C-alpha atoms as a PDB file:
ATOM      1  CA  MET A   1      14.239 -20.948 -12.515  1.00  0.00           C
ATOM      2  CA  ALA A   2      11.550 -19.000 -10.648  1.00  0.00           C
ATOM      3  CA  ALA A   3      10.397 -17.163 -13.795  1.00  0.00           C
ATOM      4  CA  GLU A   4       9.073 -20.446 -15.175  1.00  0.00           C
ATOM      5  CA  HIS A   5       6.562 -20.706 -12.313  1.00  0.00           C
ATOM      6  CA  ASP A   6       3.302 -18.843 -12.127  1.00  0.00           C
ATOM      7  CA  GLU A   7       3.747 -18.261  -8.389  1.00  0.00           C
ATOM      8  CA  VAL A   8       4.346 -14.587  -7.716  1.00  0.00           C
ATOM      9  CA  PRO A   9       6.871 -14.149  -4.871  1.00  0.00           C
ATOM     10  CA  LEU A  10       4.780 -11.838  -2.674  1.00  0.00           C
ATOM     11  CA  ASN A  11       7.251 -11.672   0.222  1.00  0.00           C
ATOM     12  CA  ALA A  12       9.961 -10.720  -2.248  1.00  0.00           C
ATOM     13  CA  ILE A  13       7.730  -7.966  -3.661  1.00  0.00           C
ATOM     14  CA  ARG A  14       7.155  -6.607  -0.162  1.00  0.00           C
ATOM     15  CA  ALA A  15      10.895  -6.672   0.487  1.00  0.00           C
ATOM     16  CA  SER A  16      11.694  -4.901  -2.797  1.00  0.00           C
ATOM     17  CA  VAL A  17       9.192  -2.108  -2.098  1.00  0.00           C
ATOM     18  CA  THR A  18      10.737  -1.654   1.345  1.00  0.00           C
ATOM     19  CA  ILE A  19      14.223  -1.532  -0.193  1.00  0.00           C
ATOM     20  CA  ALA A  20      12.958   1.168  -2.559  1.00  0.00           C
ATOM     21  CA  ARG A  21      11.521   3.197   0.332  1.00  0.00           C
ATOM     22  CA  GLU A  22      14.509   2.790   2.623  1.00  0.00           C
ATOM     23  CA  ARG A  23      17.170   2.998  -0.122  1.00  0.00           C
ATOM     24  CA  SER A  24      19.126   0.352   1.749  1.00  0.00           C
ATOM     25  CA  VAL A  25      18.906  -3.402   2.168  1.00  0.00           C
ATOM     26  CA  THR A  26      20.020  -3.057   5.793  1.00  0.00           C
ATOM     27  CA  ARG A  27      17.377  -0.446   6.634  1.00  0.00           C
ATOM     28  CA  ALA A  28      14.767  -2.478   4.756  1.00  0.00           C
ATOM     29  CA  ALA A  29      15.636  -5.493   6.912  1.00  0.00           C
ATOM     30  CA  THR A  30      15.230  -3.396  10.051  1.00  0.00           C
ATOM     31  CA  ALA A  31      11.870  -2.030   8.825  1.00  0.00           C
ATOM     32  CA  LEU A  32      10.657  -5.556   8.039  1.00  0.00           C
ATOM     33  CA  GLY A  33      11.974  -7.000  11.295  1.00  0.00           C
ATOM     34  CA  THR A  34      14.192  -9.551   9.591  1.00  0.00           C
ATOM     35  CA  THR A  35      17.825 -10.052   8.665  1.00  0.00           C
ATOM     36  CA  GLN A  36      19.773  -8.387   5.897  1.00  0.00           C
ATOM     37  CA  SER A  37      20.522 -11.776   4.381  1.00  0.00           C
ATOM     38  CA  SER A  38      16.787 -12.593   4.201  1.00  0.00           C
ATOM     39  CA  VAL A  39      16.035  -9.336   2.401  1.00  0.00           C
ATOM     40  CA  SER A  40      18.963  -9.914   0.033  1.00  0.00           C
ATOM     41  CA  ARG A  41      17.622 -13.396  -0.714  1.00  0.00           C
ATOM     42  CA  TYR A  42      14.126 -12.023  -1.383  1.00  0.00           C
ATOM     43  CA  LEU A  43      15.671  -9.497  -3.746  1.00  0.00           C
ATOM     44  CA  ALA A  44      17.570 -12.259  -5.563  1.00  0.00           C
ATOM     45  CA  VAL A  45      14.361 -14.316  -5.881  1.00  0.00           C
ATOM     46  CA  LEU A  46      12.479 -11.380  -7.401  1.00  0.00           C
ATOM     47  CA  GLN A  47      15.332 -10.514  -9.759  1.00  0.00           C
ATOM     48  CA  GLU A  48      15.391 -14.146 -10.889  1.00  0.00           C
ATOM     49  CA  TYR A  49      11.619 -14.056 -11.338  1.00  0.00           C
ATOM     50  CA  PHE A  50      11.874 -11.010 -13.615  1.00  0.00           C
ATOM     51  CA  GLY A  51      15.158 -11.973 -15.192  1.00  0.00           C
ATOM     52  CA  THR A  52      16.644  -8.530 -14.582  1.00  0.00           C
ATOM     53  CA  ASP A  53      18.258  -6.469 -11.843  1.00  0.00           C
ATOM     54  CA  LEU A  54      16.024  -4.286  -9.697  1.00  0.00           C
ATOM     55  CA  VAL A  55      18.769  -2.727  -7.579  1.00  0.00           C
ATOM     56  CA  GLU A  56      22.313  -1.588  -8.162  1.00  0.00           C
ATOM     57  CA  ARG A  57      24.510  -1.452  -5.096  1.00  0.00           C
ATOM     58  CA  ARG A  58      26.529   1.718  -4.629  1.00  0.00           C
ATOM     59  CA  GLY A  59      28.601   1.246  -1.512  1.00  0.00           C
ATOM     60  CA  ARG A  60      26.203   1.074   1.410  1.00  0.00           C
ATOM     61  CA  ARG A  61      23.294   2.455  -0.622  1.00  0.00           C
ATOM     62  CA  SER A  62      21.008   0.608  -2.982  1.00  0.00           C
ATOM     63  CA  GLU A  63      19.927   2.474  -6.114  1.00  0.00           C
ATOM     64  CA  LEU A  64      16.941   1.233  -8.074  1.00  0.00           C
ATOM     65  CA  THR A  65      17.433   0.405 -11.716  1.00  0.00           C
ATOM     66  CA  GLU A  66      14.958   1.915 -14.161  1.00  0.00           C
ATOM     67  CA  PHE A  67      12.992  -1.343 -14.114  1.00  0.00           C
ATOM     68  CA  GLY A  68      13.212  -1.522 -10.302  1.00  0.00           C
ATOM     69  CA  SER A  69      11.912   2.018  -9.973  1.00  0.00           C
ATOM     70  CA  LEU A  70       9.036   1.360 -12.370  1.00  0.00           C
ATOM     71  CA  PHE A  71       8.106  -1.824 -10.524  1.00  0.00           C
ATOM     72  CA  ALA A  72       8.332  -0.277  -7.032  1.00  0.00           C
ATOM     73  CA  ASN A  73       6.296   2.772  -8.061  1.00  0.00           C
ATOM     74  CA  THR A  74       3.649   0.552  -9.635  1.00  0.00           C
ATOM     75  CA  VAL A  75       3.157  -1.915  -6.781  1.00  0.00           C
ATOM     76  CA  ALA A  76       3.798   0.223  -3.675  1.00  0.00           C
ATOM     77  CA  GLU A  77       0.314   1.751  -3.380  1.00  0.00           C
ATOM     78  CA  PRO A  78      -1.619  -1.485  -4.094  1.00  0.00           C
ATOM     79  CA  LEU A  79       0.614  -3.287  -1.582  1.00  0.00           C
ATOM     80  CA  ASP A  80      -0.114  -0.583   1.020  1.00  0.00           C
ATOM     81  CA  THR A  81      -3.836  -0.939   0.298  1.00  0.00           C
ATOM     82  CA  LEU A  82      -3.630  -4.709   0.712  1.00  0.00           C
ATOM     83  CA  CYS A  83      -1.825  -4.361   4.067  1.00  0.00           C
ATOM     84  CA  PHE A  84      -4.230  -1.640   5.231  1.00  0.00           C
ATOM     85  CA  THR A  85      -7.251  -3.790   4.347  1.00  0.00           C
ATOM     86  CA  ALA A  86      -5.819  -6.893   6.022  1.00  0.00           C
ATOM     87  CA  LYS A  87      -5.149  -4.950   9.237  1.00  0.00           C
ATOM     88  CA  ARG A  88      -8.686  -3.518   9.269  1.00  0.00           C
ATOM     89  CA  MET A  89     -10.238  -6.930   8.663  1.00  0.00           C
ATOM     90  CA  ARG A  90      -8.087  -8.440  11.404  1.00  0.00           C
ATOM     91  CA  HIS A  91      -9.739  -6.038  13.872  1.00  0.00           C
ATOM     92  CA  ARG A  92     -13.242  -6.568  12.468  1.00  0.00           C
ATOM     93  CA  SER A  93     -14.798  -7.031  15.928  1.00  0.00           C
ATOM     94  CA  GLN A  94     -13.978  -3.418  16.823  1.00  0.00           C
ATOM     95  CA  PRO A  95     -16.811  -0.977  15.948  1.00  0.00           C
ATOM     96  CA  GLU A  96     -14.638   1.364  13.857  1.00  0.00           C
ATOM     97  CA  ALA A  97     -13.506  -1.564  11.688  1.00  0.00           C
ATOM     98  CA  ASN A  98     -16.946  -1.690  10.055  1.00  0.00           C
ATOM     99  CA  ARG A  99     -16.668   1.833   8.662  1.00  0.00           C
ATOM    100  CA  ILE A 100     -16.346   2.398   4.944  1.00  0.00           C
ATOM    101  CA  VAL A 101     -12.885   3.595   4.017  1.00  0.00           C
ATOM    102  CA  VAL A 102     -12.488   5.562   0.803  1.00  0.00           C
ATOM    103  CA  ARG A 103      -8.970   5.778  -0.627  1.00  0.00           C
ATOM    104  CA  THR A 104      -8.643   7.728  -3.805  1.00  0.00           C
ATOM    105  CA  SER A 105      -6.309   9.832  -5.870  1.00  0.00           C
ATOM    106  CA  LEU A 106      -9.135  12.027  -7.148  1.00  0.00           C
ATOM    107  CA  SER A 107      -8.876  15.781  -6.911  1.00  0.00           C
ATOM    108  CA  ASN A 108     -10.253  17.317  -3.710  1.00  0.00           C
ATOM    109  CA  PHE A 109     -13.251  18.719  -5.576  1.00  0.00           C
ATOM    110  CA  ALA A 110     -14.195  15.375  -7.147  1.00  0.00           C
ATOM    111  CA  PHE A 111     -13.475  13.538  -3.899  1.00  0.00           C
ATOM    112  CA  SER A 112     -15.739  15.852  -1.904  1.00  0.00           C
ATOM    113  CA  LEU A 113     -18.606  15.447  -4.353  1.00  0.00           C
ATOM    114  CA  LEU A 114     -18.284  11.672  -4.528  1.00  0.00           C
ATOM    115  CA  VAL A 115     -17.970  11.135  -0.777  1.00  0.00           C
ATOM    116  CA  HIS A 116     -21.007  13.282   0.013  1.00  0.00           C
ATOM    117  CA  ASP A 117     -23.062  11.535  -2.665  1.00  0.00           C
ATOM    118  CA  LEU A 118     -21.920   8.117  -1.426  1.00  0.00           C
ATOM    119  CA  HIS A 119     -22.810   9.075   2.155  1.00  0.00           C
ATOM    120  CA  ARG A 120     -26.262  10.353   1.124  1.00  0.00           C
ATOM    121  CA  ARG A 121     -27.034   7.177  -0.830  1.00  0.00           C
ATOM    122  CA  ALA A 122     -25.783   4.899   1.942  1.00  0.00           C
ATOM    123  CA  ALA A 123     -27.856   6.774   4.535  1.00  0.00           C
ATOM    124  CA  ARG A 124     -30.988   6.161   2.436  1.00  0.00           C
ATOM    125  CA  SER A 125     -30.181   2.461   1.944  1.00  0.00           C
ATOM    126  CA  VAL A 126     -29.020   1.577   5.461  1.00  0.00           C
ATOM    127  CA  PRO A 127     -31.030   3.263   8.230  1.00  0.00           C
ATOM    128  CA  SER A 128     -28.311   2.892  10.883  1.00  0.00           C
ATOM    129  CA  PHE A 129     -25.805   4.511   8.519  1.00  0.00           C
ATOM    130  CA  GLY A 130     -27.715   7.796   8.685  1.00  0.00           C
ATOM    131  CA  SER A 131     -26.678   8.336  12.305  1.00  0.00           C
ATOM    132  CA  ALA A 132     -23.086   8.957  11.224  1.00  0.00           C
ATOM    133  CA  SER A 133     -22.409  12.503  10.154  1.00  0.00           C
ATOM    134  CA  ALA A 134     -21.407  13.279   6.601  1.00  0.00           C
ATOM    135  CA  PRO A 135     -17.761  14.275   6.277  1.00  0.00           C
ATOM    136  CA  SER A 136     -17.044  17.926   5.633  1.00  0.00           C
ATOM    137  CA  ALA A 137     -15.146  18.898   2.504  1.00  0.00           C
ATOM    138  CA  SER A 138     -12.173  20.202   4.499  1.00  0.00           C
ATOM    139  CA  ARG A 139     -12.135  17.129   6.713  1.00  0.00           C
ATOM    140  CA  SER A 140     -12.403  14.900   3.624  1.00  0.00           C
ATOM    141  CA  ARG A 141      -9.391  16.613   2.069  1.00  0.00           C
ATOM    142  CA  GLN A 142      -7.401  16.411   5.287  1.00  0.00           C
ATOM    143  CA  HIS A 143      -8.175  12.750   5.804  1.00  0.00           C
ATOM    144  CA  ALA A 144      -7.654  11.924   2.139  1.00  0.00           C
ATOM    145  CA  SER A 145      -4.187  13.414   2.223  1.00  0.00           C
ATOM    146  CA  ARG A 146      -3.377  11.211   5.221  1.00  0.00           C
ATOM    147  CA  GLY A 147      -5.093   8.097   3.863  1.00  0.00           C
ATOM    148  CA  TYR A 148      -7.707   8.055   6.641  1.00  0.00           C
ATOM    149  CA  SER A 149     -11.387   7.385   6.404  1.00  0.00           C
ATOM    150  CA  SER A 150     -13.918  10.155   6.758  1.00  0.00           C
END
């Protein structure tokens, strides 16, 4: 039984989050670029790992169970952050890949204060950093809402 192992089934977690977003195993398979049977197998592996159902099938739709919803809501953002970071590091030779990216769920006011303070401190510590312009509060809010860097 998979639950007896300490290995966390990361591909199955990715598949379950995609099922939650797409509300369909078939659409999740399309989004992941794999087959429906592969996604169904990943779902079965994760359900075995937890020892409970994550999804209830309702015709062609997949509805999350309470546990499935809690799990998907908890891991979706960290999984997105992991994927985002991996993609940026993959392109590390490109100049924009060496920029600091701030992702936060802070209020706009707190975010603006923290980003400007971080920029000021970094500019003092790293001379070449000072040539980049500090993000404006409105630009910080706009980029924060889209998950972009400032």
